[in-house]
């Protein structure tokens, strides 16, 4: 899957489109993905890869939409320890996800 991530970044940069790379930088407790898991988010909202799915991934996606529009890179802390109504969680940890905009440096 990582090859797909990097080919998506390269393809976007070839046509001058910025993308956001979200990378799991730190985990504590039980999390859906390990440190180094990546997701690339495009300006149209589509993405490749996963950092775990569900509400946590949606939270990171929302932050990525701000970053792709020029906001500063940031660490998004995804707290999976809080109970939710309706569905049982298999995770109960915390992930720090680094969200950064990638653009062609020569553009």
PDB file of N, CA and C in Angstrom:
ATOM      1  N   UNK A   1       0.814  -1.193   0.000  1.00  0.00           N
ATOM      2  CA  UNK A   1       0.000   0.000   0.000  1.00  0.00           C
ATOM      3  C   UNK A   1       0.856   1.255   0.000  1.00  0.00           C
ATOM      4  N   UNK A   2       2.018   1.238   0.643  1.00  0.00           N
ATOM      5  CA  UNK A   2       2.871   2.428   0.694  1.00  0.00           C
ATOM      6  C   UNK A   2       3.281   2.891  -0.700  1.00  0.00           C
ATOM      7  N   UNK A   3       3.515   1.954  -1.627  1.00  0.00           N
ATOM      8  CA  UNK A   3       3.877   2.355  -2.985  1.00  0.00           C
ATOM      9  C   UNK A   3       2.751   3.180  -3.589  1.00  0.00           C
ATOM     10  N   UNK A   4       1.503   2.806  -3.343  1.00  0.00           N
ATOM     11  CA  UNK A   4       0.356   3.567  -3.827  1.00  0.00           C
ATOM     12  C   UNK A   4       0.335   4.974  -3.280  1.00  0.00           C
ATOM     13  N   UNK A   5       0.709   5.119  -2.035  1.00  0.00           N
ATOM     14  CA  UNK A   5       0.747   6.439  -1.401  1.00  0.00           C
ATOM     15  C   UNK A   5       1.723   7.345  -2.144  1.00  0.00           C
ATOM     16  N   UNK A   6       2.927   6.862  -2.352  1.00  0.00           N
ATOM     17  CA  UNK A   6       3.955   7.691  -2.977  1.00  0.00           C
ATOM     18  C   UNK A   6       3.676   7.944  -4.454  1.00  0.00           C
ATOM     19  N   UNK A   7       3.076   6.997  -5.142  1.00  0.00           N
ATOM     20  CA  UNK A   7       2.721   7.234  -6.540  1.00  0.00           C
ATOM     21  C   UNK A   7       1.605   8.275  -6.633  1.00  0.00           C
ATOM     22  N   UNK A   8       0.699   8.294  -5.669  1.00  0.00           N
ATOM     23  CA  UNK A   8      -0.351   9.318  -5.640  1.00  0.00           C
ATOM     24  C   UNK A   8       0.242  10.705  -5.417  1.00  0.00           C
ATOM     25  N   UNK A   9       1.210  10.796  -4.535  1.00  0.00           N
ATOM     26  CA  UNK A   9       1.878  12.077  -4.287  1.00  0.00           C
ATOM     27  C   UNK A   9       2.589  12.536  -5.561  1.00  0.00           C
ATOM     28  N   UNK A  10       3.338  11.640  -6.186  1.00  0.00           N
ATOM     29  CA  UNK A  10       4.073  11.984  -7.408  1.00  0.00           C
ATOM     30  C   UNK A  10       3.127  12.425  -8.524  1.00  0.00           C
ATOM     31  N   UNK A  11       2.014  11.713  -8.689  1.00  0.00           N
ATOM     32  CA  UNK A  11       1.055  12.052  -9.741  1.00  0.00           C
ATOM     33  C   UNK A  11       0.455  13.435  -9.504  1.00  0.00           C
ATOM     34  N   UNK A  12       0.132  13.745  -8.270  1.00  0.00           N
ATOM     35  CA  UNK A  12      -0.435  15.061  -7.966  1.00  0.00           C
ATOM     36  C   UNK A  12       0.584  16.164  -8.227  1.00  0.00           C
ATOM     37  N   UNK A  13       1.821  15.945  -7.799  1.00  0.00           N
ATOM     38  CA  UNK A  13       2.852  16.959  -7.995  1.00  0.00           C
ATOM     39  C   UNK A  13       3.155  17.181  -9.469  1.00  0.00           C
ATOM     40  N   UNK A  14       3.058  16.130 -10.277  1.00  0.00           N
ATOM     41  CA  UNK A  14       3.304  16.274 -11.727  1.00  0.00           C
ATOM     42  C   UNK A  14       2.337  17.240 -12.377  1.00  0.00           C
ATOM     43  N   UNK A  15       1.114  17.302 -11.876  1.00  0.00           N
ATOM     44  CA  UNK A  15       0.117  18.204 -12.454  1.00  0.00           C
ATOM     45  C   UNK A  15      -0.068  19.474 -11.622  1.00  0.00           C
ATOM     46  N   UNK A  16       0.808  19.673 -10.635  1.00  0.00           N
ATOM     47  CA  UNK A  16       0.794  20.890  -9.853  1.00  0.00           C
ATOM     48  C   UNK A  16      -0.276  20.982  -8.786  1.00  0.00           C
ATOM     49  N   UNK A  17      -0.818  19.862  -8.372  1.00  0.00           N
ATOM     50  CA  UNK A  17      -1.852  19.865  -7.335  1.00  0.00           C
ATOM     51  C   UNK A  17      -1.237  19.540  -5.982  1.00  0.00           C
ATOM     52  N   UNK A  18      -1.545  20.341  -4.969  1.00  0.00           N
ATOM     53  CA  UNK A  18      -1.059  20.012  -3.629  1.00  0.00           C
ATOM     54  C   UNK A  18      -1.827  18.818  -3.079  1.00  0.00           C
ATOM     55  N   UNK A  19      -1.200  18.094  -2.196  1.00  0.00           N
ATOM     56  CA  UNK A  19      -1.853  17.014  -1.461  1.00  0.00           C
ATOM     57  C   UNK A  19      -1.450  17.146  -0.004  1.00  0.00           C
ATOM     58  N   UNK A  20      -2.152  16.443   0.846  1.00  0.00           N
ATOM     59  CA  UNK A  20      -1.804  16.393   2.255  1.00  0.00           C
ATOM     60  C   UNK A  20      -1.421  14.965   2.587  1.00  0.00           C
ATOM     61  N   UNK A  21      -0.326  14.837   3.320  1.00  0.00           N
ATOM     62  CA  UNK A  21       0.112  13.544   3.813  1.00  0.00           C
ATOM     63  C   UNK A  21      -0.153  13.508   5.306  1.00  0.00           C
ATOM     64  N   UNK A  22      -0.940  12.520   5.728  1.00  0.00           N
ATOM     65  CA  UNK A  22      -1.217  12.304   7.150  1.00  0.00           C
ATOM     66  C   UNK A  22      -0.478  11.042   7.565  1.00  0.00           C
ATOM     67  N   UNK A  23       0.368  11.159   8.592  1.00  0.00           N
ATOM     68  CA  UNK A  23       1.201  10.049   9.047  1.00  0.00           C
ATOM     69  C   UNK A  23       1.019   9.842  10.542  1.00  0.00           C
ATOM     70  N   UNK A  24       0.740   8.603  10.934  1.00  0.00           N
ATOM     71  CA  UNK A  24       0.661   8.294  12.360  1.00  0.00           C
ATOM     72  C   UNK A  24       2.065   8.445  12.929  1.00  0.00           C
ATOM     73  N   UNK A  25       2.237   9.412  13.837  1.00  0.00           N
ATOM     74  CA  UNK A  25       3.553   9.731  14.381  1.00  0.00           C
ATOM     75  C   UNK A  25       3.803   9.079  15.734  1.00  0.00           C
ATOM     76  N   UNK A  26       2.735   8.838  16.504  1.00  0.00           N
ATOM     77  CA  UNK A  26       2.881   8.255  17.832  1.00  0.00           C
ATOM     78  C   UNK A  26       1.572   7.596  18.229  1.00  0.00           C
ATOM     79  N   UNK A  27       1.672   6.482  18.916  1.00  0.00           N
ATOM     80  CA  UNK A  27       0.478   5.815  19.438  1.00  0.00           C
ATOM     81  C   UNK A  27       0.678   5.481  20.904  1.00  0.00           C
ATOM     82  N   UNK A  28      -0.443   5.430  21.608  1.00  0.00           N
ATOM     83  CA  UNK A  28      -0.453   4.994  23.001  1.00  0.00           C
ATOM     84  C   UNK A  28      -1.669   4.102  23.169  1.00  0.00           C
ATOM     85  N   UNK A  29      -1.470   2.920  23.707  1.00  0.00           N
ATOM     86  CA  UNK A  29      -2.578   1.989  23.885  1.00  0.00           C
ATOM     87  C   UNK A  29      -2.910   1.268  22.585  1.00  0.00           C
ATOM     88  N   UNK A  30      -4.119   0.750  22.517  1.00  0.00           N
ATOM     89  CA  UNK A  30      -4.580  -0.025  21.359  1.00  0.00           C
ATOM     90  C   UNK A  30      -5.129   0.910  20.294  1.00  0.00           C
ATOM     91  N   UNK A  31      -4.477   0.934  19.124  1.00  0.00           N
ATOM     92  CA  UNK A  31      -4.905   1.790  18.021  1.00  0.00           C
ATOM     93  C   UNK A  31      -5.057   0.945  16.761  1.00  0.00           C
ATOM     94  N   UNK A  32      -5.868   1.405  15.804  1.00  0.00           N
ATOM     95  CA  UNK A  32      -6.107   0.608  14.608  1.00  0.00           C
ATOM     96  C   UNK A  32      -4.899   0.474  13.684  1.00  0.00           C
ATOM     97  N   UNK A  33      -3.987   1.424  13.718  1.00  0.00           N
ATOM     98  CA  UNK A  33      -2.797   1.381  12.868  1.00  0.00           C
ATOM     99  C   UNK A  33      -1.580   1.743  13.698  1.00  0.00           C
ATOM    100  N   UNK A  34      -0.419   1.357  13.189  1.00  0.00           N
ATOM    101  CA  UNK A  34       0.851   1.589  13.879  1.00  0.00           C
ATOM    102  C   UNK A  34       1.499   2.886  13.421  1.00  0.00           C
ATOM    103  N   UNK A  35       2.534   3.284  14.137  1.00  0.00           N
ATOM    104  CA  UNK A  35       3.344   4.433  13.743  1.00  0.00           C
ATOM    105  C   UNK A  35       3.833   4.202  12.315  1.00  0.00           C
ATOM    106  N   UNK A  36       3.734   5.245  11.498  1.00  0.00           N
ATOM    107  CA  UNK A  36       4.165   5.167  10.105  1.00  0.00           C
ATOM    108  C   UNK A  36       3.029   4.955   9.114  1.00  0.00           C
ATOM    109  N   UNK A  37       1.844   4.574   9.576  1.00  0.00           N
ATOM    110  CA  UNK A  37       0.699   4.422   8.670  1.00  0.00           C
ATOM    111  C   UNK A  37       0.414   5.771   8.015  1.00  0.00           C
ATOM    112  N   UNK A  38       0.052   5.737   6.731  1.00  0.00           N
ATOM    113  CA  UNK A  38      -0.095   6.976   5.977  1.00  0.00           C
ATOM    114  C   UNK A  38      -1.407   7.023   5.192  1.00  0.00           C
ATOM    115  N   UNK A  39      -1.828   8.255   4.941  1.00  0.00           N
ATOM    116  CA  UNK A  39      -2.996   8.521   4.116  1.00  0.00           C
ATOM    117  C   UNK A  39      -2.705   9.804   3.340  1.00  0.00           C
ATOM    118  N   UNK A  40      -2.979   9.798   2.038  1.00  0.00           N
ATOM    119  CA  UNK A  40      -2.832  10.985   1.199  1.00  0.00           C
ATOM    120  C   UNK A  40      -4.223  11.514   0.891  1.00  0.00           C
ATOM    121  N   UNK A  41      -4.426  12.808   1.125  1.00  0.00           N
ATOM    122  CA  UNK A  41      -5.716  13.435   0.893  1.00  0.00           C
ATOM    123  C   UNK A  41      -5.549  14.479  -0.201  1.00  0.00           C
ATOM    124  N   UNK A  42      -6.436  14.424  -1.205  1.00  0.00           N
ATOM    125  CA  UNK A  42      -6.396  15.370  -2.312  1.00  0.00           C
ATOM    126  C   UNK A  42      -7.393  16.509  -2.072  1.00  0.00           C
ATOM    127  N   UNK A  43      -7.216  17.585  -2.814  1.00  0.00           N
ATOM    128  CA  UNK A  43      -8.045  18.789  -2.651  1.00  0.00           C
ATOM    129  C   UNK A  43      -9.532  18.500  -2.841  1.00  0.00           C
ATOM    130  N   UNK A  44      -9.865  17.522  -3.695  1.00  0.00           N
ATOM    131  CA  UNK A  44     -11.276  17.184  -3.916  1.00  0.00           C
ATOM    132  C   UNK A  44     -11.851  16.316  -2.795  1.00  0.00           C
ATOM    133  N   UNK A  45     -11.022  15.996  -1.796  1.00  0.00           N
ATOM    134  CA  UNK A  45     -11.486  15.229  -0.649  1.00  0.00           C
ATOM    135  C   UNK A  45     -11.266  13.732  -0.746  1.00  0.00           C
ATOM    136  N   UNK A  46     -10.898  13.249  -1.925  1.00  0.00           N
ATOM    137  CA  UNK A  46     -10.625  11.826  -2.061  1.00  0.00           C
ATOM    138  C   UNK A  46      -9.289  11.512  -1.405  1.00  0.00           C
ATOM    139  N   UNK A  47      -9.089  10.255  -1.073  1.00  0.00           N
ATOM    140  CA  UNK A  47      -7.855   9.878  -0.396  1.00  0.00           C
ATOM    141  C   UNK A  47      -7.434   8.471  -0.754  1.00  0.00           C
ATOM    142  N   UNK A  48      -6.169   8.197  -0.483  1.00  0.00           N
ATOM    143  CA  UNK A  48      -5.563   6.889  -0.671  1.00  0.00           C
ATOM    144  C   UNK A  48      -4.890   6.514   0.635  1.00  0.00           C
ATOM    145  N   UNK A  49      -5.008   5.256   1.029  1.00  0.00           N
ATOM    146  CA  UNK A  49      -4.407   4.794   2.263  1.00  0.00           C
ATOM    147  C   UNK A  49      -5.363   4.974   3.421  1.00  0.00           C
ATOM    148  N   UNK A  50      -4.899   4.600   4.603  1.00  0.00           N
ATOM    149  CA  UNK A  50      -5.732   4.723   5.796  1.00  0.00           C
ATOM    150  C   UNK A  50      -4.864   4.871   7.034  1.00  0.00           C
ATOM    151  N   UNK A  51      -5.393   5.587   7.978  1.00  0.00           N
ATOM    152  CA  UNK A  51      -4.750   5.659   9.287  1.00  0.00           C
ATOM    153  C   UNK A  51      -5.620   4.995  10.340  1.00  0.00           C
ATOM    154  N   UNK A  52      -6.670   4.294   9.880  1.00  0.00           N
ATOM    155  CA  UNK A  52      -7.466   3.521  10.816  1.00  0.00           C
ATOM    156  C   UNK A  52      -8.963   3.533  10.596  1.00  0.00           C
ATOM    157  N   UNK A  53      -9.466   4.410   9.755  1.00  0.00           N
ATOM    158  CA  UNK A  53     -10.891   4.437   9.487  1.00  0.00           C
ATOM    159  C   UNK A  53     -11.701   5.093  10.591  1.00  0.00           C
ATOM    160  N   UNK A  54     -12.989   5.096  10.393  1.00  0.00           N
ATOM    161  CA  UNK A  54     -13.926   5.573  11.401  1.00  0.00           C
ATOM    162  C   UNK A  54     -13.841   7.053  11.694  1.00  0.00           C
ATOM    163  N   UNK A  55     -14.315   7.385  12.895  1.00  0.00           N
ATOM    164  CA  UNK A  55     -14.399   8.793  13.322  1.00  0.00           C
ATOM    165  C   UNK A  55     -13.034   9.448  13.415  1.00  0.00           C
ATOM    166  N   UNK A  56     -12.024   8.694  13.861  1.00  0.00           N
ATOM    167  CA  UNK A  56     -10.681   9.258  13.982  1.00  0.00           C
ATOM    168  C   UNK A  56     -10.127   9.672  12.636  1.00  0.00           C
ATOM    169  N   UNK A  57     -10.313   8.825  11.633  1.00  0.00           N
ATOM    170  CA  UNK A  57      -9.840   9.155  10.295  1.00  0.00           C
ATOM    171  C   UNK A  57     -10.621  10.349   9.742  1.00  0.00           C
ATOM    172  N   UNK A  58     -11.906  10.421  10.031  1.00  0.00           N
ATOM    173  CA  UNK A  58     -12.712  11.563   9.587  1.00  0.00           C
ATOM    174  C   UNK A  58     -12.223  12.866  10.223  1.00  0.00           C
ATOM    175  N   UNK A  59     -11.820  12.796  11.479  1.00  0.00           N
ATOM    176  CA  UNK A  59     -11.290  13.971  12.169  1.00  0.00           C
ATOM    177  C   UNK A  59      -9.998  14.453  11.496  1.00  0.00           C
ATOM    178  N   UNK A  60      -9.120  13.518  11.155  1.00  0.00           N
ATOM    179  CA  UNK A  60      -7.867  13.856  10.476  1.00  0.00           C
ATOM    180  C   UNK A  60      -8.163  14.402   9.083  1.00  0.00           C
ATOM    181  N   UNK A  61      -9.105  13.804   8.377  1.00  0.00           N
ATOM    182  CA  UNK A  61      -9.490  14.265   7.036  1.00  0.00           C
ATOM    183  C   UNK A  61      -9.949  15.721   7.108  1.00  0.00           C
ATOM    184  N   UNK A  62     -10.757  16.048   8.105  1.00  0.00           N
ATOM    185  CA  UNK A  62     -11.250  17.421   8.252  1.00  0.00           C
ATOM    186  C   UNK A  62     -10.095  18.402   8.451  1.00  0.00           C
ATOM    187  N   UNK A  63      -9.148  18.046   9.290  1.00  0.00           N
ATOM    188  CA  UNK A  63      -7.968  18.893   9.500  1.00  0.00           C
ATOM    189  C   UNK A  63      -7.156  19.002   8.209  1.00  0.00           C
ATOM    190  N   UNK A  64      -7.073  17.902   7.461  1.00  0.00           N
ATOM    191  CA  UNK A  64      -6.328  17.902   6.190  1.00  0.00           C
ATOM    192  C   UNK A  64      -6.922  18.889   5.192  1.00  0.00           C
ATOM    193  N   UNK A  65      -8.234  19.041   5.206  1.00  0.00           N
ATOM    194  CA  UNK A  65      -8.881  19.980   4.294  1.00  0.00           C
ATOM    195  C   UNK A  65      -8.446  21.411   4.601  1.00  0.00           C
ATOM    196  N   UNK A  66      -8.230  21.732   5.875  1.00  0.00           N
ATOM    197  CA  UNK A  66      -7.711  23.055   6.240  1.00  0.00           C
ATOM    198  C   UNK A  66      -6.263  23.212   5.791  1.00  0.00           C
ATOM    199  N   UNK A  67      -5.465  22.191   6.024  1.00  0.00           N
ATOM    200  CA  UNK A  67      -4.038  22.238   5.693  1.00  0.00           C
ATOM    201  C   UNK A  67      -3.840  22.355   4.182  1.00  0.00           C
ATOM    202  N   UNK A  68      -4.640  21.650   3.398  1.00  0.00           N
ATOM    203  CA  UNK A  68      -4.456  21.705   1.940  1.00  0.00           C
ATOM    204  C   UNK A  68      -4.779  23.099   1.401  1.00  0.00           C
ATOM    205  N   UNK A  69      -5.610  23.829   2.129  1.00  0.00           N
ATOM    206  CA  UNK A  69      -5.939  25.198   1.715  1.00  0.00           C
ATOM    207  C   UNK A  69      -4.940  26.219   2.230  1.00  0.00           C
ATOM    208  N   UNK A  70      -3.822  25.738   2.814  1.00  0.00           N
ATOM    209  CA  UNK A  70      -2.757  26.642   3.204  1.00  0.00           C
ATOM    210  C   UNK A  70      -2.546  26.819   4.693  1.00  0.00           C
ATOM    211  N   UNK A  71      -3.356  26.175   5.506  1.00  0.00           N
ATOM    212  CA  UNK A  71      -3.148  26.280   6.956  1.00  0.00           C
ATOM    213  C   UNK A  71      -1.850  25.573   7.334  1.00  0.00           C
ATOM    214  N   UNK A  72      -1.342  25.889   8.502  1.00  0.00           N
ATOM    215  CA  UNK A  72      -0.084  25.316   8.974  1.00  0.00           C
ATOM    216  C   UNK A  72      -0.191  23.810   9.194  1.00  0.00           C
ATOM    217  N   UNK A  73       0.912  23.082   8.966  1.00  0.00           N
ATOM    218  CA  UNK A  73       0.928  21.660   9.324  1.00  0.00           C
ATOM    219  C   UNK A  73       0.659  21.519  10.814  1.00  0.00           C
ATOM    220  N   UNK A  74       0.164  20.358  11.207  1.00  0.00           N
ATOM    221  CA  UNK A  74      -0.189  20.190  12.617  1.00  0.00           C
ATOM    222  C   UNK A  74      -0.206  18.731  13.032  1.00  0.00           C
ATOM    223  N   UNK A  75      -0.191  18.550  14.323  1.00  0.00           N
ATOM    224  CA  UNK A  75      -0.398  17.227  14.910  1.00  0.00           C
ATOM    225  C   UNK A  75      -1.863  17.162  15.333  1.00  0.00           C
ATOM    226  N   UNK A  76      -2.559  16.139  14.870  1.00  0.00           N
ATOM    227  CA  UNK A  76      -3.944  15.907  15.263  1.00  0.00           C
ATOM    228  C   UNK A  76      -3.945  14.729  16.228  1.00  0.00           C
ATOM    229  N   UNK A  77      -4.451  14.949  17.417  1.00  0.00           N
ATOM    230  CA  UNK A  77      -4.535  13.876  18.398  1.00  0.00           C
ATOM    231  C   UNK A  77      -5.907  13.229  18.295  1.00  0.00           C
ATOM    232  N   UNK A  78      -5.896  11.941  17.982  1.00  0.00           N
ATOM    233  CA  UNK A  78      -7.127  11.168  17.846  1.00  0.00           C
ATOM    234  C   UNK A  78      -7.264  10.312  19.101  1.00  0.00           C
ATOM    235  N   UNK A  79      -8.255  10.631  19.901  1.00  0.00           N
ATOM    236  CA  UNK A  79      -8.476   9.941  21.169  1.00  0.00           C
ATOM    237  C   UNK A  79      -9.566   8.881  20.976  1.00  0.00           C
ATOM    238  N   UNK A  80      -9.161   7.634  21.028  1.00  0.00           N
ATOM    239  CA  UNK A  80     -10.088   6.521  20.836  1.00  0.00           C
ATOM    240  C   UNK A  80     -10.485   5.882  22.163  1.00  0.00           C
ATOM    241  N   UNK A  81     -10.284   6.600  23.253  1.00  0.00           N
ATOM    242  CA  UNK A  81     -10.579   6.038  24.569  1.00  0.00           C
ATOM    243  C   UNK A  81     -11.989   6.346  25.038  1.00  0.00           C
ATOM    244  N   UNK A  82     -12.622   7.330  24.428  1.00  0.00           N
ATOM    245  CA  UNK A  82     -13.966   7.713  24.853  1.00  0.00           C
ATOM    246  C   UNK A  82     -14.998   6.755  24.275  1.00  0.00           C
ATOM    247  N   UNK A  83     -15.960   6.309  25.077  1.00  0.00           N
ATOM    248  CA  UNK A  83     -16.995   5.419  24.551  1.00  0.00           C
ATOM    249  C   UNK A  83     -17.905   6.162  23.578  1.00  0.00           C
ATOM    250  N   UNK A  84     -18.422   5.429  22.606  1.00  0.00           N
ATOM    251  CA  UNK A  84     -19.377   6.001  21.661  1.00  0.00           C
ATOM    252  C   UNK A  84     -20.668   5.213  21.759  1.00  0.00           C
ATOM    253  N   UNK A  85     -21.748   5.826  21.393  1.00  0.00           N
ATOM    254  CA  UNK A  85     -23.031   5.145  21.394  1.00  0.00           C
ATOM    255  C   UNK A  85     -23.157   4.292  20.143  1.00  0.00           C
ATOM    256  N   UNK A  86     -23.810   3.159  20.265  1.00  0.00           N
ATOM    257  CA  UNK A  86     -24.144   2.361  19.090  1.00  0.00           C
ATOM    258  C   UNK A  86     -23.215   1.215  18.808  1.00  0.00           C
ATOM    259  N   UNK A  87     -21.937   1.468  18.627  1.00  0.00           N
ATOM    260  CA  UNK A  87     -21.022   0.414  18.226  1.00  0.00           C
ATOM    261  C   UNK A  87     -19.909   0.246  19.240  1.00  0.00           C
ATOM    262  N   UNK A  88     -19.507  -1.005  19.452  1.00  0.00           N
ATOM    263  CA  UNK A  88     -18.369  -1.272  20.320  1.00  0.00           C
ATOM    264  C   UNK A  88     -17.089  -0.961  19.567  1.00  0.00           C
ATOM    265  N   UNK A  89     -16.113  -0.451  20.273  1.00  0.00           N
ATOM    266  CA  UNK A  89     -14.809  -0.173  19.674  1.00  0.00           C
ATOM    267  C   UNK A  89     -13.854  -1.306  20.002  1.00  0.00           C
ATOM    268  N   UNK A  90     -12.965  -1.605  19.073  1.00  0.00           N
ATOM    269  CA  UNK A  90     -11.925  -2.584  19.365  1.00  0.00           C
ATOM    270  C   UNK A  90     -10.647  -1.884  19.795  1.00  0.00           C
ATOM    271  N   UNK A  91     -10.622  -0.566  19.660  1.00  0.00           N
ATOM    272  CA  UNK A  91      -9.435   0.200  20.019  1.00  0.00           C
ATOM    273  C   UNK A  91      -9.735   1.019  21.257  1.00  0.00           C
ATOM    274  N   UNK A  92      -8.703   1.398  21.953  1.00  0.00           N
ATOM    275  CA  UNK A  92      -8.901   2.216  23.124  1.00  0.00           C
ATOM    276  C   UNK A  92      -7.699   3.079  23.404  1.00  0.00           C
ATOM    277  N   UNK A  93      -6.963   3.428  22.359  1.00  0.00           N
ATOM    278  CA  UNK A  93      -5.740   4.192  22.539  1.00  0.00           C
ATOM    279  C   UNK A  93      -5.839   5.591  21.987  1.00  0.00           C
ATOM    280  N   UNK A  94      -4.677   6.191  21.836  1.00  0.00           N
ATOM    281  CA  UNK A  94      -4.559   7.555  21.329  1.00  0.00           C
ATOM    282  C   UNK A  94      -3.507   7.559  20.227  1.00  0.00           C
ATOM    283  N   UNK A  95      -3.800   8.254  19.129  1.00  0.00           N
ATOM    284  CA  UNK A  95      -2.850   8.404  18.024  1.00  0.00           C
ATOM    285  C   UNK A  95      -2.574   9.882  17.811  1.00  0.00           C
ATOM    286  N   UNK A  96      -1.309  10.208  17.604  1.00  0.00           N
ATOM    287  CA  UNK A  96      -0.923  11.539  17.140  1.00  0.00           C
ATOM    288  C   UNK A  96      -0.609  11.400  15.661  1.00  0.00           C
ATOM    289  N   UNK A  97      -1.289  12.202  14.848  1.00  0.00           N
ATOM    290  CA  UNK A  97      -1.144  12.110  13.396  1.00  0.00           C
ATOM    291  C   UNK A  97      -0.614  13.445  12.882  1.00  0.00           C
ATOM    292  N   UNK A  98       0.538  13.401  12.199  1.00  0.00           N
ATOM    293  CA  UNK A  98       1.118  14.604  11.621  1.00  0.00           C
ATOM    294  C   UNK A  98       0.490  14.837  10.260  1.00  0.00           C
ATOM    295  N   UNK A  99      -0.060  16.030  10.051  1.00  0.00           N
ATOM    296  CA  UNK A  99      -0.766  16.388   8.821  1.00  0.00           C
ATOM    297  C   UNK A  99       0.011  17.524   8.158  1.00  0.00           C
ATOM    298  N   UNK A 100       0.539  17.247   6.950  1.00  0.00           N
ATOM    299  CA  UNK A 100       1.372  18.236   6.254  1.00  0.00           C
ATOM    300  C   UNK A 100       0.986  18.347   4.785  1.00  0.00           C
ATOM    301  N   UNK A 101       1.068  19.562   4.266  1.00  0.00           N
ATOM    302  CA  UNK A 101       0.799  19.843   2.861  1.00  0.00           C
ATOM    303  C   UNK A 101       2.063  19.590   2.059  1.00  0.00           C
ATOM    304  N   UNK A 102       1.900  18.931   0.915  1.00  0.00           N
ATOM    305  CA  UNK A 102       3.034  18.676   0.039  1.00  0.00           C
ATOM    306  C   UNK A 102       2.759  19.333  -1.307  1.00  0.00           C
ATOM    307  N   UNK A 103       3.683  20.193  -1.713  1.00  0.00           N
ATOM    308  CA  UNK A 103       3.580  20.880  -2.994  1.00  0.00           C
ATOM    309  C   UNK A 103       4.901  20.750  -3.721  1.00  0.00           C
ATOM    310  N   UNK A 104       4.879  20.949  -5.029  1.00  0.00           N
ATOM    311  CA  UNK A 104       6.091  20.916  -5.820  1.00  0.00           C
ATOM    312  C   UNK A 104       6.956  22.116  -5.432  1.00  0.00           C
ATOM    313  N   UNK A 105       8.141  21.833  -4.898  1.00  0.00           N
ATOM    314  CA  UNK A 105       9.025  22.896  -4.432  1.00  0.00           C
ATOM    315  C   UNK A 105       9.463  23.825  -5.566  1.00  0.00           C
ATOM    316  N   UNK A 106       9.435  23.326  -6.795  1.00  0.00           N
ATOM    317  CA  UNK A 106       9.852  24.136  -7.929  1.00  0.00           C
ATOM    318  C   UNK A 106       8.752  24.989  -8.509  1.00  0.00           C
ATOM    319  N   UNK A 107       7.538  24.813  -8.008  1.00  0.00           N
ATOM    320  CA  UNK A 107       6.403  25.557  -8.582  1.00  0.00           C
ATOM    321  C   UNK A 107       6.278  26.927  -7.966  1.00  0.00           C
TER     322      UNK A 107
END
